[in-house]
């Protein structure tokens, strides 16, 4: 059995790491983590919660939901909005194909907000991919 969610995450990270506009915002190499970095330099992206629901159709596969969080140290929402916009452009419609697993990524929604302490802004992107294989 393949790690369908793992294939999706790997494709998402590769697409983000290859994008020049995102490199301008998040550094080169692009700061994408699966856990908050200690002493991390903002802005950066966190790979968040992933949910994999098996498809009932023959041949296997799954519907995978994945969230990405933008962490910005900027006092307003401008930086977080810019990162969200670029990530949306890079990932919405991304075709995934690796090791017999294929699928397409769609953006389900995005939001940007100032943190409760007022010292940073955040963005959340919610992705959905139907993966087969």
N, C-alpha and C. Protein backbone atom coordinates (compact mmCIF):
# COMPACT_ATOMS: atom_id res chain seq x y z
N UNK A 1 0.84 -1.18 0.00
CA UNK A 1 0.00 0.00 0.00
C UNK A 1 0.89 1.25 0.00
N UNK A 2 0.55 2.21 -0.85
CA UNK A 2 1.36 3.41 -0.93
C UNK A 2 0.91 4.45 0.09
N UNK A 3 1.81 5.35 0.40
CA UNK A 3 1.52 6.47 1.31
C UNK A 3 0.97 7.61 0.47
N UNK A 4 -0.34 7.59 0.22
CA UNK A 4 -0.96 8.56 -0.68
C UNK A 4 -0.80 9.99 -0.15
N UNK A 5 -1.04 10.20 1.11
CA UNK A 5 -0.88 11.54 1.68
C UNK A 5 0.58 11.98 1.60
N UNK A 6 1.50 11.06 1.82
CA UNK A 6 2.92 11.37 1.71
C UNK A 6 3.32 11.79 0.31
N UNK A 7 2.75 11.13 -0.70
CA UNK A 7 3.01 11.50 -2.09
C UNK A 7 2.52 12.93 -2.34
N UNK A 8 1.33 13.24 -1.82
CA UNK A 8 0.78 14.58 -1.98
C UNK A 8 1.67 15.62 -1.31
N UNK A 9 2.06 15.40 -0.08
CA UNK A 9 2.90 16.36 0.64
C UNK A 9 4.22 16.57 -0.09
N UNK A 10 4.82 15.49 -0.56
CA UNK A 10 6.09 15.60 -1.29
C UNK A 10 5.92 16.45 -2.55
N UNK A 11 4.83 16.27 -3.28
CA UNK A 11 4.58 17.04 -4.50
C UNK A 11 4.32 18.51 -4.18
N UNK A 12 3.58 18.77 -3.10
CA UNK A 12 3.28 20.13 -2.68
C UNK A 12 4.58 20.86 -2.31
N UNK A 13 5.41 20.22 -1.51
CA UNK A 13 6.66 20.84 -1.08
C UNK A 13 7.57 21.09 -2.29
N UNK A 14 7.65 20.15 -3.21
CA UNK A 14 8.49 20.32 -4.40
C UNK A 14 8.01 21.49 -5.25
N UNK A 15 6.69 21.61 -5.43
CA UNK A 15 6.15 22.71 -6.23
C UNK A 15 6.42 24.05 -5.56
N UNK A 16 6.25 24.11 -4.25
CA UNK A 16 6.51 25.35 -3.52
C UNK A 16 7.99 25.73 -3.58
N UNK A 17 8.87 24.75 -3.42
CA UNK A 17 10.32 24.99 -3.40
C UNK A 17 10.84 25.46 -4.75
N UNK A 18 10.13 25.13 -5.82
CA UNK A 18 10.59 25.47 -7.16
C UNK A 18 10.10 26.83 -7.65
N UNK A 19 9.20 27.47 -6.92
CA UNK A 19 8.58 28.70 -7.39
C UNK A 19 9.41 29.93 -7.03
N UNK A 20 9.77 30.71 -8.06
CA UNK A 20 10.62 31.90 -7.86
C UNK A 20 9.94 32.97 -7.02
N UNK A 21 8.65 33.19 -7.22
CA UNK A 21 7.94 34.21 -6.44
C UNK A 21 7.90 33.84 -4.97
N UNK A 22 7.75 32.55 -4.68
CA UNK A 22 7.71 32.11 -3.29
C UNK A 22 9.11 32.18 -2.67
N UNK A 23 10.14 31.93 -3.47
CA UNK A 23 11.52 32.08 -2.98
C UNK A 23 11.79 33.52 -2.57
N UNK A 24 11.21 34.47 -3.31
CA UNK A 24 11.39 35.88 -2.98
C UNK A 24 10.74 36.23 -1.64
N UNK A 25 9.67 35.53 -1.29
CA UNK A 25 8.95 35.80 -0.05
C UNK A 25 9.46 34.96 1.13
N UNK A 26 9.81 33.70 0.86
CA UNK A 26 10.14 32.76 1.94
C UNK A 26 11.59 32.30 1.94
N UNK A 27 12.42 32.93 1.13
CA UNK A 27 13.83 32.59 1.11
C UNK A 27 14.15 31.45 0.16
N UNK A 28 15.42 31.28 -0.08
CA UNK A 28 15.90 30.21 -0.95
C UNK A 28 17.01 29.46 -0.22
N UNK A 29 16.74 28.24 0.23
CA UNK A 29 15.55 27.44 -0.06
C UNK A 29 14.31 27.95 0.68
N UNK A 30 13.17 27.66 0.08
CA UNK A 30 11.88 28.09 0.64
C UNK A 30 11.71 27.47 2.02
N UNK A 31 11.30 28.30 2.98
CA UNK A 31 11.10 27.83 4.35
C UNK A 31 9.74 27.16 4.48
N UNK A 32 9.73 25.83 4.34
CA UNK A 32 8.53 25.01 4.51
C UNK A 32 8.88 23.94 5.52
N UNK A 33 8.09 23.82 6.58
CA UNK A 33 8.38 22.88 7.66
C UNK A 33 7.16 22.04 7.99
N UNK A 34 7.40 20.89 8.62
CA UNK A 34 6.27 20.08 9.09
C UNK A 34 6.09 20.18 10.60
N UNK A 35 6.91 21.01 11.24
CA UNK A 35 6.77 21.34 12.66
C UNK A 35 7.34 22.74 12.84
N UNK A 36 6.80 23.52 13.77
CA UNK A 36 7.33 24.87 13.96
C UNK A 36 8.81 24.84 14.30
N UNK A 37 9.62 25.59 13.55
CA UNK A 37 11.05 25.59 13.81
C UNK A 37 11.38 26.40 15.07
N UNK A 38 12.36 25.93 15.80
CA UNK A 38 12.82 26.69 16.97
C UNK A 38 13.63 27.88 16.46
N UNK A 39 13.23 29.06 16.86
CA UNK A 39 13.93 30.26 16.42
C UNK A 39 13.80 30.50 14.94
N UNK A 40 12.73 29.99 14.34
CA UNK A 40 12.53 30.13 12.90
C UNK A 40 12.36 31.57 12.47
N UNK A 41 12.88 31.88 11.30
CA UNK A 41 12.77 33.21 10.73
C UNK A 41 11.46 33.28 9.94
N UNK A 42 10.60 34.20 10.32
CA UNK A 42 9.34 34.39 9.60
C UNK A 42 9.61 35.29 8.40
N UNK A 43 8.85 35.13 7.35
CA UNK A 43 7.70 34.24 7.21
C UNK A 43 8.13 32.83 6.81
N UNK A 44 7.26 31.88 7.13
CA UNK A 44 7.47 30.51 6.70
C UNK A 44 6.12 29.81 6.60
N UNK A 45 6.16 28.62 6.01
CA UNK A 45 4.96 27.79 5.85
C UNK A 45 5.08 26.54 6.71
N UNK A 46 3.97 26.14 7.29
CA UNK A 46 3.90 24.89 8.02
C UNK A 46 2.94 23.94 7.32
N UNK A 47 3.39 22.71 7.13
CA UNK A 47 2.49 21.67 6.65
C UNK A 47 1.64 21.28 7.85
N UNK A 48 0.34 21.41 7.73
CA UNK A 48 -0.54 21.17 8.86
C UNK A 48 -1.25 19.84 8.79
N UNK A 49 -2.43 19.87 9.30
CA UNK A 49 -3.26 18.66 9.42
C UNK A 49 -3.57 18.07 8.05
N UNK A 50 -3.44 16.76 7.96
CA UNK A 50 -3.80 16.03 6.76
C UNK A 50 -4.80 14.94 7.11
N UNK A 51 -5.83 14.82 6.30
CA UNK A 51 -6.84 13.80 6.51
C UNK A 51 -6.97 13.00 5.22
N UNK A 52 -6.88 11.70 5.33
CA UNK A 52 -6.96 10.81 4.17
C UNK A 52 -8.19 9.92 4.33
N UNK A 53 -9.11 10.00 3.36
CA UNK A 53 -10.33 9.19 3.38
C UNK A 53 -10.29 8.29 2.16
N UNK A 54 -10.28 6.96 2.36
CA UNK A 54 -10.20 6.04 1.23
C UNK A 54 -11.39 6.20 0.28
N UNK A 55 -11.10 6.05 -1.02
CA UNK A 55 -12.16 6.03 -2.02
C UNK A 55 -12.73 4.63 -2.10
N UNK A 56 -14.01 4.53 -2.34
CA UNK A 56 -14.64 3.20 -2.41
C UNK A 56 -14.48 2.57 -3.78
N UNK A 57 -14.11 3.35 -4.76
CA UNK A 57 -13.98 2.83 -6.11
C UNK A 57 -12.85 1.80 -6.18
N UNK A 58 -13.00 0.86 -7.11
CA UNK A 58 -11.94 -0.13 -7.30
C UNK A 58 -10.64 0.56 -7.72
N UNK A 59 -9.54 -0.01 -7.34
CA UNK A 59 -8.25 0.54 -7.70
C UNK A 59 -7.63 1.38 -6.60
N UNK A 60 -8.39 1.58 -5.55
CA UNK A 60 -7.83 2.31 -4.41
C UNK A 60 -7.80 3.80 -4.63
N UNK A 61 -7.07 4.43 -3.79
CA UNK A 61 -6.97 5.88 -3.82
C UNK A 61 -7.61 6.48 -2.59
N UNK A 62 -7.56 7.79 -2.53
CA UNK A 62 -8.11 8.48 -1.37
C UNK A 62 -8.37 9.94 -1.70
N UNK A 63 -9.28 10.51 -0.93
CA UNK A 63 -9.45 11.96 -0.94
C UNK A 63 -8.61 12.47 0.22
N UNK A 64 -7.70 13.38 -0.07
CA UNK A 64 -6.79 13.89 0.95
C UNK A 64 -7.05 15.38 1.15
N UNK A 65 -7.28 15.76 2.39
CA UNK A 65 -7.39 17.17 2.76
C UNK A 65 -6.10 17.54 3.49
N UNK A 66 -5.57 18.70 3.15
CA UNK A 66 -4.30 19.13 3.74
C UNK A 66 -4.39 20.63 4.02
N UNK A 67 -3.89 21.03 5.18
CA UNK A 67 -3.86 22.46 5.49
C UNK A 67 -2.41 22.93 5.53
N UNK A 68 -2.22 24.16 5.10
CA UNK A 68 -0.93 24.82 5.15
C UNK A 68 -1.12 26.11 5.93
N UNK A 69 -0.20 26.42 6.81
CA UNK A 69 -0.28 27.65 7.59
C UNK A 69 0.88 28.57 7.24
N UNK A 70 0.57 29.82 7.04
CA UNK A 70 1.57 30.86 6.84
C UNK A 70 1.81 31.53 8.18
N UNK A 71 3.05 31.68 8.55
CA UNK A 71 3.40 32.38 9.79
C UNK A 71 4.23 33.59 9.39
N UNK A 72 3.74 34.77 9.75
CA UNK A 72 4.40 36.02 9.41
C UNK A 72 4.69 36.81 10.67
N UNK A 73 5.84 37.41 10.73
CA UNK A 73 6.17 38.27 11.85
C UNK A 73 5.81 39.72 11.60
N UNK A 74 5.26 40.00 10.43
CA UNK A 74 4.88 41.34 10.02
C UNK A 74 3.72 41.84 10.88
N UNK A 75 3.70 43.11 11.22
CA UNK A 75 2.68 43.65 12.12
C UNK A 75 1.28 43.63 11.50
N UNK A 76 1.17 43.73 10.20
CA UNK A 76 -0.13 43.70 9.54
C UNK A 76 -0.30 42.42 8.72
N UNK A 77 -1.33 42.40 7.91
CA UNK A 77 -1.66 41.20 7.14
C UNK A 77 -1.01 41.14 5.76
N UNK A 78 -0.36 42.20 5.35
CA UNK A 78 0.16 42.31 3.99
C UNK A 78 1.07 41.14 3.60
N UNK A 79 2.03 40.82 4.44
CA UNK A 79 2.99 39.75 4.12
C UNK A 79 2.28 38.40 4.04
N UNK A 80 1.42 38.11 5.00
CA UNK A 80 0.69 36.84 4.99
C UNK A 80 -0.21 36.73 3.76
N UNK A 81 -0.86 37.82 3.39
CA UNK A 81 -1.71 37.82 2.19
C UNK A 81 -0.89 37.55 0.93
N UNK A 82 0.29 38.13 0.86
CA UNK A 82 1.15 37.92 -0.31
C UNK A 82 1.57 36.46 -0.42
N UNK A 83 1.95 35.85 0.70
CA UNK A 83 2.34 34.45 0.69
C UNK A 83 1.15 33.57 0.32
N UNK A 84 -0.01 33.83 0.91
CA UNK A 84 -1.21 33.05 0.59
C UNK A 84 -1.52 33.13 -0.90
N UNK A 85 -1.42 34.31 -1.48
CA UNK A 85 -1.73 34.48 -2.90
C UNK A 85 -0.79 33.66 -3.79
N UNK A 86 0.50 33.69 -3.48
CA UNK A 86 1.45 32.93 -4.29
C UNK A 86 1.24 31.43 -4.10
N UNK A 87 1.06 30.97 -2.87
CA UNK A 87 0.84 29.55 -2.62
C UNK A 87 -0.41 29.08 -3.35
N UNK A 88 -1.46 29.88 -3.30
CA UNK A 88 -2.70 29.53 -4.02
C UNK A 88 -2.42 29.37 -5.50
N UNK A 89 -1.70 30.32 -6.09
CA UNK A 89 -1.40 30.23 -7.52
C UNK A 89 -0.56 29.01 -7.88
N UNK A 90 0.38 28.66 -7.00
CA UNK A 90 1.26 27.52 -7.26
C UNK A 90 0.50 26.19 -7.14
N UNK A 91 -0.36 26.08 -6.14
CA UNK A 91 -0.93 24.77 -5.82
C UNK A 91 -2.31 24.48 -6.42
N UNK A 92 -3.12 25.49 -6.67
CA UNK A 92 -4.46 25.22 -7.19
C UNK A 92 -4.36 24.68 -8.61
N UNK A 93 -4.75 23.44 -8.80
CA UNK A 93 -4.65 22.79 -10.10
C UNK A 93 -3.38 21.97 -10.27
N UNK A 94 -2.54 21.88 -9.25
CA UNK A 94 -1.30 21.11 -9.35
C UNK A 94 -1.61 19.64 -9.65
N UNK A 95 -0.97 19.12 -10.68
CA UNK A 95 -1.09 17.70 -11.01
C UNK A 95 0.00 16.93 -10.28
N UNK A 96 -0.39 15.83 -9.64
CA UNK A 96 0.54 15.00 -8.87
C UNK A 96 0.66 13.64 -9.54
N UNK A 97 1.89 13.17 -9.69
CA UNK A 97 2.11 11.84 -10.26
C UNK A 97 3.44 11.31 -9.76
N UNK A 98 3.37 10.24 -8.97
CA UNK A 98 4.59 9.62 -8.46
C UNK A 98 4.29 8.18 -8.06
N UNK A 99 5.14 7.28 -8.50
CA UNK A 99 5.05 5.88 -8.08
C UNK A 99 3.69 5.24 -8.30
N UNK A 100 3.02 5.59 -9.40
CA UNK A 100 1.71 5.01 -9.69
C UNK A 100 0.56 5.72 -9.01
N UNK A 101 0.85 6.78 -8.25
CA UNK A 101 -0.20 7.57 -7.59
C UNK A 101 -0.36 8.86 -8.37
N UNK A 102 -1.59 9.18 -8.75
CA UNK A 102 -1.87 10.41 -9.49
C UNK A 102 -3.01 11.16 -8.81
N UNK A 103 -3.06 12.44 -9.08
CA UNK A 103 -4.15 13.24 -8.53
C UNK A 103 -4.02 14.69 -8.91
N UNK A 104 -5.00 15.48 -8.49
CA UNK A 104 -5.02 16.91 -8.74
C UNK A 104 -5.37 17.64 -7.45
N UNK A 105 -4.70 18.76 -7.23
CA UNK A 105 -4.91 19.56 -6.02
C UNK A 105 -5.86 20.70 -6.34
N UNK A 106 -6.77 20.95 -5.44
CA UNK A 106 -7.69 22.08 -5.54
C UNK A 106 -7.69 22.85 -4.22
N UNK A 107 -7.74 24.15 -4.32
CA UNK A 107 -7.84 24.99 -3.13
C UNK A 107 -9.29 24.99 -2.67
N UNK A 108 -9.51 24.68 -1.40
CA UNK A 108 -10.86 24.70 -0.83
C UNK A 108 -11.16 26.02 -0.16
N UNK A 109 -10.15 26.73 0.28
CA UNK A 109 -10.36 28.02 0.92
C UNK A 109 -9.07 28.54 1.53
N UNK A 110 -9.10 29.82 1.83
CA UNK A 110 -7.93 30.46 2.45
C UNK A 110 -8.43 31.60 3.33
N UNK A 111 -7.68 31.86 4.38
CA UNK A 111 -8.00 32.99 5.25
C UNK A 111 -6.71 33.59 5.77
N UNK A 112 -6.77 34.87 6.11
CA UNK A 112 -5.63 35.59 6.67
C UNK A 112 -6.16 36.37 7.87
N UNK A 113 -5.38 36.38 8.95
CA UNK A 113 -5.82 37.07 10.15
C UNK A 113 -4.62 37.47 11.00
N UNK A 114 -4.84 38.46 11.86
CA UNK A 114 -3.82 38.89 12.81
C UNK A 114 -3.94 38.02 14.05
N UNK A 115 -2.80 37.62 14.60
CA UNK A 115 -2.80 36.78 15.79
C UNK A 115 -3.41 37.50 16.99
N UNK A 116 -3.84 36.73 17.95
CA UNK A 116 -4.47 37.26 19.15
C UNK A 116 -3.60 38.23 19.92
N UNK A 117 -2.29 38.05 19.83
CA UNK A 117 -1.38 38.96 20.54
C UNK A 117 -1.06 40.21 19.73
N UNK A 118 -1.54 40.26 18.47
CA UNK A 118 -1.31 41.42 17.62
C UNK A 118 0.11 41.56 17.11
N UNK A 119 0.95 40.54 17.33
CA UNK A 119 2.36 40.64 16.97
C UNK A 119 2.73 39.91 15.69
N UNK A 120 1.78 39.38 15.02
CA UNK A 120 2.07 38.68 13.78
C UNK A 120 0.78 38.37 13.06
N UNK A 121 0.91 37.97 11.82
CA UNK A 121 -0.25 37.60 11.02
C UNK A 121 -0.09 36.16 10.56
N UNK A 122 -1.21 35.56 10.24
CA UNK A 122 -1.23 34.16 9.86
C UNK A 122 -2.15 33.96 8.67
N UNK A 123 -1.88 32.93 7.94
CA UNK A 123 -2.74 32.54 6.84
C UNK A 123 -2.94 31.05 6.90
N UNK A 124 -4.10 30.60 6.48
CA UNK A 124 -4.39 29.17 6.41
C UNK A 124 -4.96 28.88 5.03
N UNK A 125 -4.38 27.89 4.38
CA UNK A 125 -4.90 27.42 3.11
C UNK A 125 -5.36 25.98 3.29
N UNK A 126 -6.51 25.68 2.76
CA UNK A 126 -7.05 24.32 2.84
C UNK A 126 -7.09 23.73 1.44
N UNK A 127 -6.42 22.59 1.30
CA UNK A 127 -6.32 21.94 0.00
C UNK A 127 -7.09 20.62 0.01
N UNK A 128 -7.54 20.21 -1.16
CA UNK A 128 -8.20 18.92 -1.32
C UNK A 128 -7.61 18.29 -2.58
N UNK A 129 -7.30 17.01 -2.50
CA UNK A 129 -6.80 16.28 -3.66
C UNK A 129 -7.46 14.91 -3.71
N UNK A 130 -7.94 14.55 -4.87
CA UNK A 130 -8.42 13.20 -5.09
C UNK A 130 -7.27 12.45 -5.73
N UNK A 131 -6.78 11.44 -5.01
CA UNK A 131 -5.58 10.71 -5.42
C UNK A 131 -5.97 9.28 -5.77
N UNK A 132 -5.44 8.77 -6.84
CA UNK A 132 -5.71 7.40 -7.25
C UNK A 132 -4.41 6.64 -7.37
N UNK A 133 -4.50 5.35 -7.07
CA UNK A 133 -3.31 4.51 -7.24
C UNK A 133 -2.96 3.73 -6.01
